[in-house]
Amino acid sequence: MKWEYKIVYINAKKRTSTGLPEEINEEFDRYGANGWELVRVEPKLDGGFMAFGFGWIHQTVGYVAFFKRPKS
């Protein structure tokens, strides 16, 4: 079987109670309705900074979501 892939960036700086943009569920539902399957989500980190005595600290600025579906 051959696959096609979609990569979606989610901006995490737009905070809500869940930590993600509220419209992300609606967007992912649309992908699912179009046959896309969520395969993986990875955090996108900023360059980070040195914290006093704590070492190198990174902040999550977004997420990258990977989808796939059978190629038609």
C-alpha atoms as a PDB file:
ATOM      1  CA  MET A   1       0.000   0.000   0.000  1.00  0.00           C
ATOM      2  CA  LYS A   2       1.218   3.516  -0.815  1.00  0.00           C
ATOM      3  CA  TRP A   3       0.691   6.437   1.556  1.00  0.00           C
ATOM      4  CA  GLU A   4       0.495  10.189   1.343  1.00  0.00           C
ATOM      5  CA  TYR A   5       1.488  12.359   4.273  1.00  0.00           C
ATOM      6  CA  LYS A   6       0.502  15.687   5.795  1.00  0.00           C
ATOM      7  CA  ILE A   7       2.521  17.655   8.352  1.00  0.00           C
ATOM      8  CA  VAL A   8       0.699  20.263  10.445  1.00  0.00           C
ATOM      9  CA  TYR A   9       2.258  22.870  12.749  1.00  0.00           C
ATOM     10  CA  ILE A  10       0.333  23.815  15.916  1.00  0.00           C
ATOM     11  CA  ASN A  11       1.274  27.096  17.587  1.00  0.00           C
ATOM     12  CA  ALA A  12       1.509  26.503  21.359  1.00  0.00           C
ATOM     13  CA  LYS A  13       1.878  30.184  22.219  1.00  0.00           C
ATOM     14  CA  LYS A  14      -1.880  30.582  21.809  1.00  0.00           C
ATOM     15  CA  ARG A  15      -2.759  29.314  25.308  1.00  0.00           C
ATOM     16  CA  THR A  16      -6.074  27.898  26.457  1.00  0.00           C
ATOM     17  CA  SER A  17      -7.096  25.800  29.464  1.00  0.00           C
ATOM     18  CA  THR A  18      -5.875  22.661  27.648  1.00  0.00           C
ATOM     19  CA  GLY A  19      -2.659  24.314  26.491  1.00  0.00           C
ATOM     20  CA  LEU A  20      -3.625  23.981  22.821  1.00  0.00           C
ATOM     21  CA  PRO A  21      -5.657  26.186  20.498  1.00  0.00           C
ATOM     22  CA  GLU A  22      -9.346  25.330  20.891  1.00  0.00           C
ATOM     23  CA  GLU A  23      -9.895  24.995  17.143  1.00  0.00           C
ATOM     24  CA  ILE A  24      -7.345  22.163  16.918  1.00  0.00           C
ATOM     25  CA  ASN A  25     -10.009  19.514  17.677  1.00  0.00           C
ATOM     26  CA  GLU A  26     -12.206  20.855  14.878  1.00  0.00           C
ATOM     27  CA  GLU A  27      -9.259  20.916  12.481  1.00  0.00           C
ATOM     28  CA  PHE A  28      -8.227  17.339  13.388  1.00  0.00           C
ATOM     29  CA  ASP A  29     -11.854  16.170  13.019  1.00  0.00           C
ATOM     30  CA  ARG A  30     -11.838  17.576   9.461  1.00  0.00           C
ATOM     31  CA  TYR A  31      -8.614  15.697   8.691  1.00  0.00           C
ATOM     32  CA  GLY A  32     -10.147  12.478  10.047  1.00  0.00           C
ATOM     33  CA  ALA A  33     -13.278  12.984   7.947  1.00  0.00           C
ATOM     34  CA  ASN A  34     -11.003  13.253   4.905  1.00  0.00           C
ATOM     35  CA  GLY A  35      -9.275   9.952   5.691  1.00  0.00           C
ATOM     36  CA  TRP A  36      -6.175  11.292   7.478  1.00  0.00           C
ATOM     37  CA  GLU A  37      -4.888   9.271  10.438  1.00  0.00           C
ATOM     38  CA  LEU A  38      -2.823  11.010  13.139  1.00  0.00           C
ATOM     39  CA  VAL A  39       0.450   9.093  13.401  1.00  0.00           C
ATOM     40  CA  ARG A  40       2.632  11.163  15.705  1.00  0.00           C
ATOM     41  CA  VAL A  41       2.924  14.499  17.509  1.00  0.00           C
ATOM     42  CA  GLU A  42       6.287  16.021  18.455  1.00  0.00           C
ATOM     43  CA  PRO A  43       7.029  19.185  20.428  1.00  0.00           C
ATOM     44  CA  LYS A  44       8.777  22.072  18.681  1.00  0.00           C
ATOM     45  CA  LEU A  45      11.231  23.653  21.128  1.00  0.00           C
ATOM     46  CA  ASP A  46      12.763  27.114  21.066  1.00  0.00           C
ATOM     47  CA  GLY A  47      16.508  27.627  21.313  1.00  0.00           C
ATOM     48  CA  GLY A  48      16.306  27.643  25.102  1.00  0.00           C
ATOM     49  CA  PHE A  49      18.167  29.620  27.720  1.00  0.00           C
ATOM     50  CA  MET A  50      20.518  29.034  30.617  1.00  0.00           C
ATOM     51  CA  ALA A  51      18.701  29.145  33.957  1.00  0.00           C
ATOM     52  CA  PHE A  52      20.611  29.988  37.117  1.00  0.00           C
ATOM     53  CA  GLY A  53      21.848  26.655  38.419  1.00  0.00           C
ATOM     54  CA  PHE A  54      19.218  24.634  36.535  1.00  0.00           C
ATOM     55  CA  GLY A  55      21.026  24.114  33.247  1.00  0.00           C
ATOM     56  CA  TRP A  56      19.661  24.626  29.765  1.00  0.00           C
ATOM     57  CA  ILE A  57      15.884  25.219  29.704  1.00  0.00           C
ATOM     58  CA  HIS A  58      13.731  24.828  26.581  1.00  0.00           C
ATOM     59  CA  GLN A  59      10.212  26.110  26.064  1.00  0.00           C
ATOM     60  CA  THR A  60       7.658  24.371  23.865  1.00  0.00           C
ATOM     61  CA  VAL A  61       6.560  26.877  21.225  1.00  0.00           C
ATOM     62  CA  GLY A  62       4.501  24.493  19.127  1.00  0.00           C
ATOM     63  CA  TYR A  63       3.822  20.951  18.052  1.00  0.00           C
ATOM     64  CA  VAL A  64       4.262  19.176  14.747  1.00  0.00           C
ATOM     65  CA  ALA A  65       1.540  16.645  13.913  1.00  0.00           C
ATOM     66  CA  PHE A  66       2.114  13.952  11.299  1.00  0.00           C
ATOM     67  CA  PHE A  67      -0.821  12.420   9.417  1.00  0.00           C
ATOM     68  CA  LYS A  68      -1.035   9.692   6.780  1.00  0.00           C
ATOM     69  CA  ARG A  69      -3.716   8.184   4.547  1.00  0.00           C
ATOM     70  CA  PRO A  70      -3.772   5.599   1.783  1.00  0.00           C
ATOM     71  CA  LYS A  71      -2.889   7.078  -1.581  1.00  0.00           C
ATOM     72  CA  SER A  72      -5.776   6.861  -4.011  1.00  0.00           C
END
